[in-house]
Amino acid sequence: MNLQPFDDLTPTDVQNLDELQASQLLQSTVESGTTLYNNLIDQIVGTQEWNTLTYEEQTYILNFTPQQKAMLAILYEAANNSAATGGTPKWVHCALCIGCTWL
């Protein structure tokens, strides 16, 4: 199967991906998310806001999985695209709050 960009994949294509194909398809998103994650961590660790988090919250943030980092990249891109078109849809706000302690 020739892996195409996400926009060109049909639901059937997605269902028929094997683990290696899915991993290859998501690799650039994981790399982008890892870079974004590292930049965010560099900016937040040691700040007053960081110090108000509990140990468990800090540990959770410092131990993002590759999948969580990929999702971070996807959400960041969605938020940027939405802002460029004049607003952020409710689903982006909701998705960005997954894992928030106040939910």
Protein backbone atom coordinates (compact mmCIF):
# COMPACT_ATOMS: atom_id res chain seq x y z
CA MET A 1 0.00 0.00 0.00
CA ASN A 2 1.31 3.42 -0.95
CA LEU A 3 0.97 5.69 2.08
CA GLN A 4 -0.60 8.97 1.05
CA PRO A 5 -1.04 12.14 3.09
CA PHE A 6 -3.76 11.95 5.75
CA ASP A 7 -6.18 13.95 3.60
CA ASP A 8 -6.06 11.32 0.87
CA LEU A 9 -6.68 8.30 3.09
CA THR A 10 -10.16 6.82 3.04
CA PRO A 11 -11.65 5.21 6.17
CA THR A 12 -10.96 1.84 4.52
CA ASP A 13 -7.31 2.77 3.97
CA VAL A 14 -6.96 3.73 7.62
CA GLN A 15 -8.60 0.50 8.79
CA ASN A 16 -6.25 -1.56 6.61
CA LEU A 17 -2.99 0.00 7.80
CA ASP A 18 -0.69 -2.43 9.53
CA GLU A 19 1.32 -1.30 12.54
CA LEU A 20 4.45 -0.50 10.54
CA GLN A 21 2.51 1.58 7.98
CA ALA A 22 0.68 3.48 10.73
CA SER A 23 3.98 4.14 12.49
CA GLN A 24 5.58 5.42 9.29
CA LEU A 25 2.58 7.62 8.54
CA LEU A 26 2.68 9.18 12.00
CA GLN A 27 6.47 9.51 12.34
CA SER A 28 6.68 13.10 11.13
CA THR A 29 3.80 14.07 13.42
CA VAL A 30 5.54 12.47 16.40
CA GLU A 31 8.77 14.29 15.51
CA SER A 32 6.94 17.61 15.17
CA GLY A 33 5.09 17.01 18.45
CA THR A 34 8.31 16.08 20.22
CA THR A 35 9.95 19.32 19.08
CA LEU A 36 6.93 21.34 20.17
CA TYR A 37 6.76 19.47 23.49
CA ASN A 38 10.46 20.06 24.21
CA ASN A 39 10.10 23.77 23.45
CA LEU A 40 7.08 24.05 25.74
CA ILE A 41 8.82 22.15 28.54
CA ASP A 42 11.84 24.45 28.24
CA GLN A 43 9.54 27.45 28.61
CA ILE A 44 7.43 26.23 31.52
CA VAL A 45 9.71 24.23 33.86
CA GLY A 46 10.91 26.43 36.69
CA THR A 47 8.25 29.09 36.24
CA GLN A 48 5.84 30.16 38.94
CA GLU A 49 3.04 28.34 37.12
CA TRP A 50 5.08 25.14 37.00
CA ASN A 51 5.78 25.36 40.71
CA THR A 52 2.05 25.55 41.48
CA LEU A 53 1.47 22.13 39.87
CA THR A 54 1.38 19.04 42.04
CA TYR A 55 4.12 16.44 41.78
CA GLU A 56 1.68 14.13 39.97
CA GLU A 57 0.80 16.84 37.43
CA GLN A 58 4.46 17.62 36.78
CA THR A 59 5.25 13.92 36.40
CA TYR A 60 2.38 13.46 33.97
CA ILE A 61 3.55 16.39 31.84
CA LEU A 62 7.18 15.27 31.89
CA ASN A 63 6.26 11.76 30.77
CA PHE A 64 4.25 12.39 27.61
CA THR A 65 4.19 9.38 25.31
CA PRO A 66 5.03 9.64 21.61
CA GLN A 67 1.28 9.39 20.93
CA GLN A 68 0.55 12.32 23.23
CA LYS A 69 3.29 14.35 21.56
CA ALA A 70 1.78 13.57 18.15
CA MET A 71 -1.63 14.68 19.42
CA LEU A 72 -0.03 17.88 20.71
CA ALA A 73 1.26 18.62 17.20
CA ILE A 74 -2.14 17.89 15.66
CA LEU A 75 -3.98 20.11 18.15
CA TYR A 76 -1.42 22.89 17.75
CA GLU A 77 -1.84 22.79 13.98
CA ALA A 78 -5.64 22.71 14.27
CA ALA A 79 -5.64 25.68 16.63
CA ASN A 80 -3.32 27.65 14.34
CA ASN A 81 -5.41 26.87 11.27
CA SER A 82 -8.60 27.82 13.11
CA ALA A 83 -7.13 31.10 14.31
CA ALA A 84 -6.05 31.92 10.77
CA THR A 85 -9.62 31.46 9.57
CA GLY A 86 -11.15 33.71 12.20
CA GLY A 87 -11.86 31.62 15.28
CA THR A 88 -11.29 28.46 17.22
CA PRO A 89 -14.03 25.83 17.04
CA LYS A 90 -15.39 24.42 20.29
CA TRP A 91 -13.87 21.00 19.52
CA VAL A 92 -10.37 22.52 19.57
CA HIS A 93 -10.99 24.12 22.97
CA CYS A 94 -12.36 20.83 24.26
CA ALA A 95 -9.51 18.75 22.84
CA LEU A 96 -6.91 21.09 24.30
CA CYS A 97 -8.41 20.53 27.74
CA ILE A 98 -8.11 16.73 27.69
CA GLY A 99 -6.25 15.90 30.85
CA CYS A 100 -6.95 19.22 32.53
CA THR A 101 -7.44 18.74 36.24
CA TRP A 102 -10.45 21.06 36.35
CA LEU A 103 -12.63 18.97 34.04
